[in-house]
Amino acid sequence: MTPPPRTSWRRPAVLLALVLDAVVIVGALVLLANGASLVVAAIAAILAIAPWAAIIDDAERPKRQR
């Protein structure tokens, strides 16, 4: 018997990316509210996007044939 397919949002990498997105957004908003520059927001956006690039790259990798 094969196990049921896991939904994509339940994969550990996706959960980590979602948590990182939330942390980065809250952190950037707090820093911007305290007078930080927009460069901080740009760096936060890059940090939030980086895990998604790895997830997409992993999803596009050809699967091994058995």
PDB file of N, CA and C in Angstrom:
ATOM      1  N   MET A   1       0.827  -1.181   0.000  1.00  0.00           N
ATOM      2  CA  MET A   1       0.000   0.000   0.000  1.00  0.00           C
ATOM      3  C   MET A   1       0.872   1.245   0.000  1.00  0.00           C
ATOM      4  N   THR A   2       0.476   2.190  -0.783  1.00  0.00           N
ATOM      5  CA  THR A   2       1.209   3.450  -0.793  1.00  0.00           C
ATOM      6  C   THR A   2       0.502   4.443   0.122  1.00  0.00           C
ATOM      7  N   PRO A   3       1.291   5.280   0.793  1.00  0.00           N
ATOM      8  CA  PRO A   3       0.658   6.271   1.672  1.00  0.00           C
ATOM      9  C   PRO A   3      -0.073   7.328   0.850  1.00  0.00           C
ATOM     10  N   PRO A   4      -1.075   7.950   1.433  1.00  0.00           N
ATOM     11  CA  PRO A   4      -1.805   8.991   0.695  1.00  0.00           C
ATOM     12  C   PRO A   4      -0.881  10.171   0.410  1.00  0.00           C
ATOM     13  N   PRO A   5      -1.078  10.858  -0.710  1.00  0.00           N
ATOM     14  CA  PRO A   5      -0.202  11.989  -1.024  1.00  0.00           C
ATOM     15  C   PRO A   5      -0.396  13.107  -0.008  1.00  0.00           C
ATOM     16  N   ARG A   6       0.731  13.721   0.354  1.00  0.00           N
ATOM     17  CA  ARG A   6       0.662  14.824   1.306  1.00  0.00           C
ATOM     18  C   ARG A   6       0.271  16.096   0.580  1.00  0.00           C
ATOM     19  N   THR A   7      -0.544  16.886   1.213  1.00  0.00           N
ATOM     20  CA  THR A   7      -0.894  18.159   0.606  1.00  0.00           C
ATOM     21  C   THR A   7       0.338  19.049   0.629  1.00  0.00           C
ATOM     22  N   SER A   8       0.455  19.906  -0.366  1.00  0.00           N
ATOM     23  CA  SER A   8       1.684  20.680  -0.524  1.00  0.00           C
ATOM     24  C   SER A   8       1.913  21.661   0.615  1.00  0.00           C
ATOM     25  N   TRP A   9       0.856  22.173   1.229  1.00  0.00           N
ATOM     26  CA  TRP A   9       1.076  23.156   2.293  1.00  0.00           C
ATOM     27  C   TRP A   9       1.532  22.520   3.592  1.00  0.00           C
ATOM     28  N   ARG A  10       1.454  21.205   3.691  1.00  0.00           N
ATOM     29  CA  ARG A  10       1.851  20.524   4.924  1.00  0.00           C
ATOM     30  C   ARG A  10       3.308  20.087   4.903  1.00  0.00           C
ATOM     31  N   ARG A  11       4.002  20.302   3.808  1.00  0.00           N
ATOM     32  CA  ARG A  11       5.416  19.947   3.757  1.00  0.00           C
ATOM     33  C   ARG A  11       6.193  20.861   4.700  1.00  0.00           C
ATOM     34  N   PRO A  12       7.233  20.359   5.366  1.00  0.00           N
ATOM     35  CA  PRO A  12       7.983  21.182   6.313  1.00  0.00           C
ATOM     36  C   PRO A  12       8.580  22.444   5.688  1.00  0.00           C
ATOM     37  N   ALA A  13       9.035  22.360   4.462  1.00  0.00           N
ATOM     38  CA  ALA A  13       9.623  23.538   3.825  1.00  0.00           C
ATOM     39  C   ALA A  13       8.580  24.629   3.597  1.00  0.00           C
ATOM     40  N   VAL A  14       7.369  24.246   3.243  1.00  0.00           N
ATOM     41  CA  VAL A  14       6.307  25.229   3.017  1.00  0.00           C
ATOM     42  C   VAL A  14       5.895  25.867   4.344  1.00  0.00           C
ATOM     43  N   LEU A  15       5.781  25.057   5.381  1.00  0.00           N
ATOM     44  CA  LEU A  15       5.439  25.604   6.691  1.00  0.00           C
ATOM     45  C   LEU A  15       6.523  26.566   7.180  1.00  0.00           C
ATOM     46  N   LEU A  16       7.779  26.200   6.990  1.00  0.00           N
ATOM     47  CA  LEU A  16       8.876  27.080   7.372  1.00  0.00           C
ATOM     48  C   LEU A  16       8.830  28.385   6.588  1.00  0.00           C
ATOM     49  N   ALA A  17       8.542  28.311   5.303  1.00  0.00           N
ATOM     50  CA  ALA A  17       8.461  29.520   4.481  1.00  0.00           C
ATOM     51  C   ALA A  17       7.315  30.419   4.938  1.00  0.00           C
ATOM     52  N   LEU A  18       6.182  29.831   5.290  1.00  0.00           N
ATOM     53  CA  LEU A  18       5.050  30.631   5.769  1.00  0.00           C
ATOM     54  C   LEU A  18       5.370  31.313   7.096  1.00  0.00           C
ATOM     55  N   VAL A  19       6.013  30.586   7.996  1.00  0.00           N
ATOM     56  CA  VAL A  19       6.392  31.167   9.284  1.00  0.00           C
ATOM     57  C   VAL A  19       7.415  32.284   9.072  1.00  0.00           C
ATOM     58  N   LEU A  20       8.397  32.047   8.217  1.00  0.00           N
ATOM     59  CA  LEU A  20       9.401  33.071   7.933  1.00  0.00           C
ATOM     60  C   LEU A  20       8.762  34.305   7.311  1.00  0.00           C
ATOM     61  N   ASP A  21       7.795  34.113   6.413  1.00  0.00           N
ATOM     62  CA  ASP A  21       7.087  35.248   5.818  1.00  0.00           C
ATOM     63  C   ASP A  21       6.412  36.090   6.896  1.00  0.00           C
ATOM     64  N   ALA A  22       5.731  35.437   7.811  1.00  0.00           N
ATOM     65  CA  ALA A  22       5.025  36.161   8.869  1.00  0.00           C
ATOM     66  C   ALA A  22       5.997  36.923   9.766  1.00  0.00           C
ATOM     67  N   VAL A  23       7.089  36.277  10.131  1.00  0.00           N
ATOM     68  CA  VAL A  23       8.080  36.926  10.992  1.00  0.00           C
ATOM     69  C   VAL A  23       8.708  38.121  10.289  1.00  0.00           C
ATOM     70  N   VAL A  24       9.050  37.962   9.025  1.00  0.00           N
ATOM     71  CA  VAL A  24       9.684  39.043   8.279  1.00  0.00           C
ATOM     72  C   VAL A  24       8.722  40.217   8.095  1.00  0.00           C
ATOM     73  N   ILE A  25       7.476  39.937   7.794  1.00  0.00           N
ATOM     74  CA  ILE A  25       6.500  41.021   7.595  1.00  0.00           C
ATOM     75  C   ILE A  25       6.285  41.798   8.891  1.00  0.00           C
ATOM     76  N   VAL A  26       6.103  41.095   9.989  1.00  0.00           N
ATOM     77  CA  VAL A  26       5.907  41.775  11.275  1.00  0.00           C
ATOM     78  C   VAL A  26       7.156  42.570  11.647  1.00  0.00           C
ATOM     79  N   GLY A  27       8.313  41.961  11.479  1.00  0.00           N
ATOM     80  CA  GLY A  27       9.560  42.658  11.798  1.00  0.00           C
ATOM     81  C   GLY A  27       9.767  43.898  10.950  1.00  0.00           C
ATOM     82  N   ALA A  28       9.489  43.804   9.662  1.00  0.00           N
ATOM     83  CA  ALA A  28       9.653  44.961   8.775  1.00  0.00           C
ATOM     84  C   ALA A  28       8.669  46.068   9.150  1.00  0.00           C
ATOM     85  N   LEU A  29       7.433  45.701   9.464  1.00  0.00           N
ATOM     86  CA  LEU A  29       6.451  46.720   9.852  1.00  0.00           C
ATOM     87  C   LEU A  29       6.849  47.424  11.146  1.00  0.00           C
ATOM     88  N   VAL A  30       7.363  46.658  12.097  1.00  0.00           N
ATOM     89  CA  VAL A  30       7.807  47.263  13.357  1.00  0.00           C
ATOM     90  C   VAL A  30       8.982  48.212  13.109  1.00  0.00           C
ATOM     91  N   LEU A  31       9.946  47.777  12.299  1.00  0.00           N
ATOM     92  CA  LEU A  31      11.099  48.635  12.014  1.00  0.00           C
ATOM     93  C   LEU A  31      10.697  49.879  11.230  1.00  0.00           C
ATOM     94  N   LEU A  32       9.802  49.729  10.264  1.00  0.00           N
ATOM     95  CA  LEU A  32       9.354  50.889   9.494  1.00  0.00           C
ATOM     96  C   LEU A  32       8.558  51.859  10.372  1.00  0.00           C
ATOM     97  N   ALA A  33       7.787  51.332  11.300  1.00  0.00           N
ATOM     98  CA  ALA A  33       7.031  52.192  12.204  1.00  0.00           C
ATOM     99  C   ALA A  33       7.956  52.972  13.134  1.00  0.00           C
ATOM    100  N   ASN A  34       9.129  52.419  13.392  1.00  0.00           N
ATOM    101  CA  ASN A  34      10.097  53.091  14.258  1.00  0.00           C
ATOM    102  C   ASN A  34      11.069  53.965  13.480  1.00  0.00           C
ATOM    103  N   GLY A  35      10.823  54.180  12.198  1.00  0.00           N
ATOM    104  CA  GLY A  35      11.617  55.117  11.426  1.00  0.00           C
ATOM    105  C   GLY A  35      12.748  54.514  10.608  1.00  0.00           C
ATOM    106  N   ALA A  36      12.750  53.224  10.389  1.00  0.00           N
ATOM    107  CA  ALA A  36      13.795  52.621   9.569  1.00  0.00           C
ATOM    108  C   ALA A  36      13.574  52.988   8.098  1.00  0.00           C
ATOM    109  N   SER A  37      14.604  52.848   7.295  1.00  0.00           N
ATOM    110  CA  SER A  37      14.494  53.224   5.887  1.00  0.00           C
ATOM    111  C   SER A  37      13.801  52.130   5.074  1.00  0.00           C
ATOM    112  N   LEU A  38      13.484  52.463   3.841  1.00  0.00           N
ATOM    113  CA  LEU A  38      12.842  51.492   2.952  1.00  0.00           C
ATOM    114  C   LEU A  38      13.790  50.376   2.533  1.00  0.00           C
ATOM    115  N   VAL A  39      15.078  50.577   2.725  1.00  0.00           N
ATOM    116  CA  VAL A  39      16.045  49.512   2.435  1.00  0.00           C
ATOM    117  C   VAL A  39      15.755  48.306   3.324  1.00  0.00           C
ATOM    118  N   VAL A  40      15.332  48.571   4.547  1.00  0.00           N
ATOM    119  CA  VAL A  40      14.978  47.485   5.466  1.00  0.00           C
ATOM    120  C   VAL A  40      13.809  46.687   4.902  1.00  0.00           C
ATOM    121  N   ALA A  41      12.820  47.376   4.343  1.00  0.00           N
ATOM    122  CA  ALA A  41      11.677  46.687   3.752  1.00  0.00           C
ATOM    123  C   ALA A  41      12.110  45.866   2.539  1.00  0.00           C
ATOM    124  N   ALA A  42      13.040  46.382   1.749  1.00  0.00           N
ATOM    125  CA  ALA A  42      13.535  45.634   0.586  1.00  0.00           C
ATOM    126  C   ALA A  42      14.276  44.380   1.016  1.00  0.00           C
ATOM    127  N   ILE A  43      15.099  44.482   2.043  1.00  0.00           N
ATOM    128  CA  ILE A  43      15.825  43.309   2.543  1.00  0.00           C
ATOM    129  C   ILE A  43      14.839  42.297   3.125  1.00  0.00           C
ATOM    130  N   ALA A  44      13.822  42.787   3.807  1.00  0.00           N
ATOM    131  CA  ALA A  44      12.797  41.889   4.356  1.00  0.00           C
ATOM    132  C   ALA A  44      12.065  41.153   3.241  1.00  0.00           C
ATOM    133  N   ALA A  45      11.770  41.839   2.147  1.00  0.00           N
ATOM    134  CA  ALA A  45      11.095  41.182   1.020  1.00  0.00           C
ATOM    135  C   ALA A  45      11.970  40.088   0.419  1.00  0.00           C
ATOM    136  N   ILE A  46      13.256  40.351   0.300  1.00  0.00           N
ATOM    137  CA  ILE A  46      14.179  39.339  -0.237  1.00  0.00           C
ATOM    138  C   ILE A  46      14.226  38.135   0.689  1.00  0.00           C
ATOM    139  N   LEU A  47      14.295  38.375   1.989  1.00  0.00           N
ATOM    140  CA  LEU A  47      14.318  37.265   2.948  1.00  0.00           C
ATOM    141  C   LEU A  47      13.028  36.455   2.909  1.00  0.00           C
ATOM    142  N   ALA A  48      11.914  37.109   2.672  1.00  0.00           N
ATOM    143  CA  ALA A  48      10.635  36.408   2.643  1.00  0.00           C
ATOM    144  C   ALA A  48      10.470  35.583   1.374  1.00  0.00           C
ATOM    145  N   ILE A  49      11.074  36.012   0.274  1.00  0.00           N
ATOM    146  CA  ILE A  49      10.922  35.329  -1.012  1.00  0.00           C
ATOM    147  C   ILE A  49      11.898  34.161  -1.165  1.00  0.00           C
ATOM    148  N   ALA A  50      13.039  34.222  -0.535  1.00  0.00           N
ATOM    149  CA  ALA A  50      14.099  33.226  -0.731  1.00  0.00           C
ATOM    150  C   ALA A  50      13.648  31.776  -0.506  1.00  0.00           C
ATOM    151  N   PRO A  51      12.942  31.440   0.569  1.00  0.00           N
ATOM    152  CA  PRO A  51      12.549  30.031   0.740  1.00  0.00           C
ATOM    153  C   PRO A  51      11.602  29.540  -0.358  1.00  0.00           C
ATOM    154  N   TRP A  52      10.758  30.428  -0.876  1.00  0.00           N
ATOM    155  CA  TRP A  52       9.828  30.024  -1.937  1.00  0.00           C
ATOM    156  C   TRP A  52      10.581  29.649  -3.202  1.00  0.00           C
ATOM    157  N   ALA A  53      11.696  30.325  -3.476  1.00  0.00           N
ATOM    158  CA  ALA A  53      12.496  29.976  -4.649  1.00  0.00           C
ATOM    159  C   ALA A  53      13.048  28.561  -4.514  1.00  0.00           C
ATOM    160  N   ALA A  54      13.489  28.200  -3.323  1.00  0.00           N
ATOM    161  CA  ALA A  54      13.998  26.847  -3.104  1.00  0.00           C
ATOM    162  C   ALA A  54      12.885  25.810  -3.233  1.00  0.00           C
ATOM    163  N   ILE A  55      11.697  26.133  -2.746  1.00  0.00           N
ATOM    164  CA  ILE A  55      10.565  25.202  -2.841  1.00  0.00           C
ATOM    165  C   ILE A  55      10.177  24.989  -4.298  1.00  0.00           C
ATOM    166  N   ILE A  56      10.128  26.060  -5.063  1.00  0.00           N
ATOM    167  CA  ILE A  56       9.782  25.951  -6.485  1.00  0.00           C
ATOM    168  C   ILE A  56      10.851  25.162  -7.230  1.00  0.00           C
ATOM    169  N   ASP A  57      12.118  25.412  -6.916  1.00  0.00           N
ATOM    170  CA  ASP A  57      13.208  24.689  -7.571  1.00  0.00           C
ATOM    171  C   ASP A  57      13.115  23.195  -7.261  1.00  0.00           C
ATOM    172  N   ASP A  58      12.823  22.861  -6.020  1.00  0.00           N
ATOM    173  CA  ASP A  58      12.693  21.457  -5.639  1.00  0.00           C
ATOM    174  C   ASP A  58      11.501  20.800  -6.335  1.00  0.00           C
ATOM    175  N   ALA A  59      10.407  21.546  -6.503  1.00  0.00           N
ATOM    176  CA  ALA A  59       9.226  20.994  -7.149  1.00  0.00           C
ATOM    177  C   ALA A  59       9.451  20.745  -8.642  1.00  0.00           C
ATOM    178  N   GLU A  60      10.309  21.549  -9.256  1.00  0.00           N
ATOM    179  CA  GLU A  60      10.561  21.389 -10.687  1.00  0.00           C
ATOM    180  C   GLU A  60      11.649  20.377 -11.000  1.00  0.00           C
ATOM    181  N   ARG A  61      12.329  19.889  -9.987  1.00  0.00           N
ATOM    182  CA  ARG A  61      13.378  18.890 -10.180  1.00  0.00           C
ATOM    183  C   ARG A  61      12.736  17.588 -10.641  1.00  0.00           C
ATOM    184  N   PRO A  62      13.282  16.964 -11.655  1.00  0.00           N
ATOM    185  CA  PRO A  62      12.668  15.705 -12.116  1.00  0.00           C
ATOM    186  C   PRO A  62      12.712  14.637 -11.027  1.00  0.00           C
ATOM    187  N   LYS A  63      11.615  13.930 -10.900  1.00  0.00           N
ATOM    188  CA  LYS A  63      11.525  12.860  -9.917  1.00  0.00           C
ATOM    189  C   LYS A  63      12.224  11.611 -10.451  1.00  0.00           C
ATOM    190  N   ARG A  64      12.774  10.819  -9.525  1.00  0.00           N
ATOM    191  CA  ARG A  64      13.443   9.591  -9.936  1.00  0.00           C
ATOM    192  C   ARG A  64      12.450   8.556 -10.406  1.00  0.00           C
ATOM    193  N   GLN A  65      12.820   7.866 -11.450  1.00  0.00           N
ATOM    194  CA  GLN A  65      11.991   6.765 -11.954  1.00  0.00           C
ATOM    195  C   GLN A  65      12.389   5.496 -11.201  1.00  0.00           C
ATOM    196  N   ARG A  66      11.389   4.725 -10.806  1.00  0.00           N
ATOM    197  CA  ARG A  66      11.692   3.465 -10.093  1.00  0.00           C
ATOM    198  C   ARG A  66      11.694   2.316 -11.035  1.00  0.00           C
TER     199      ARG A  66
END
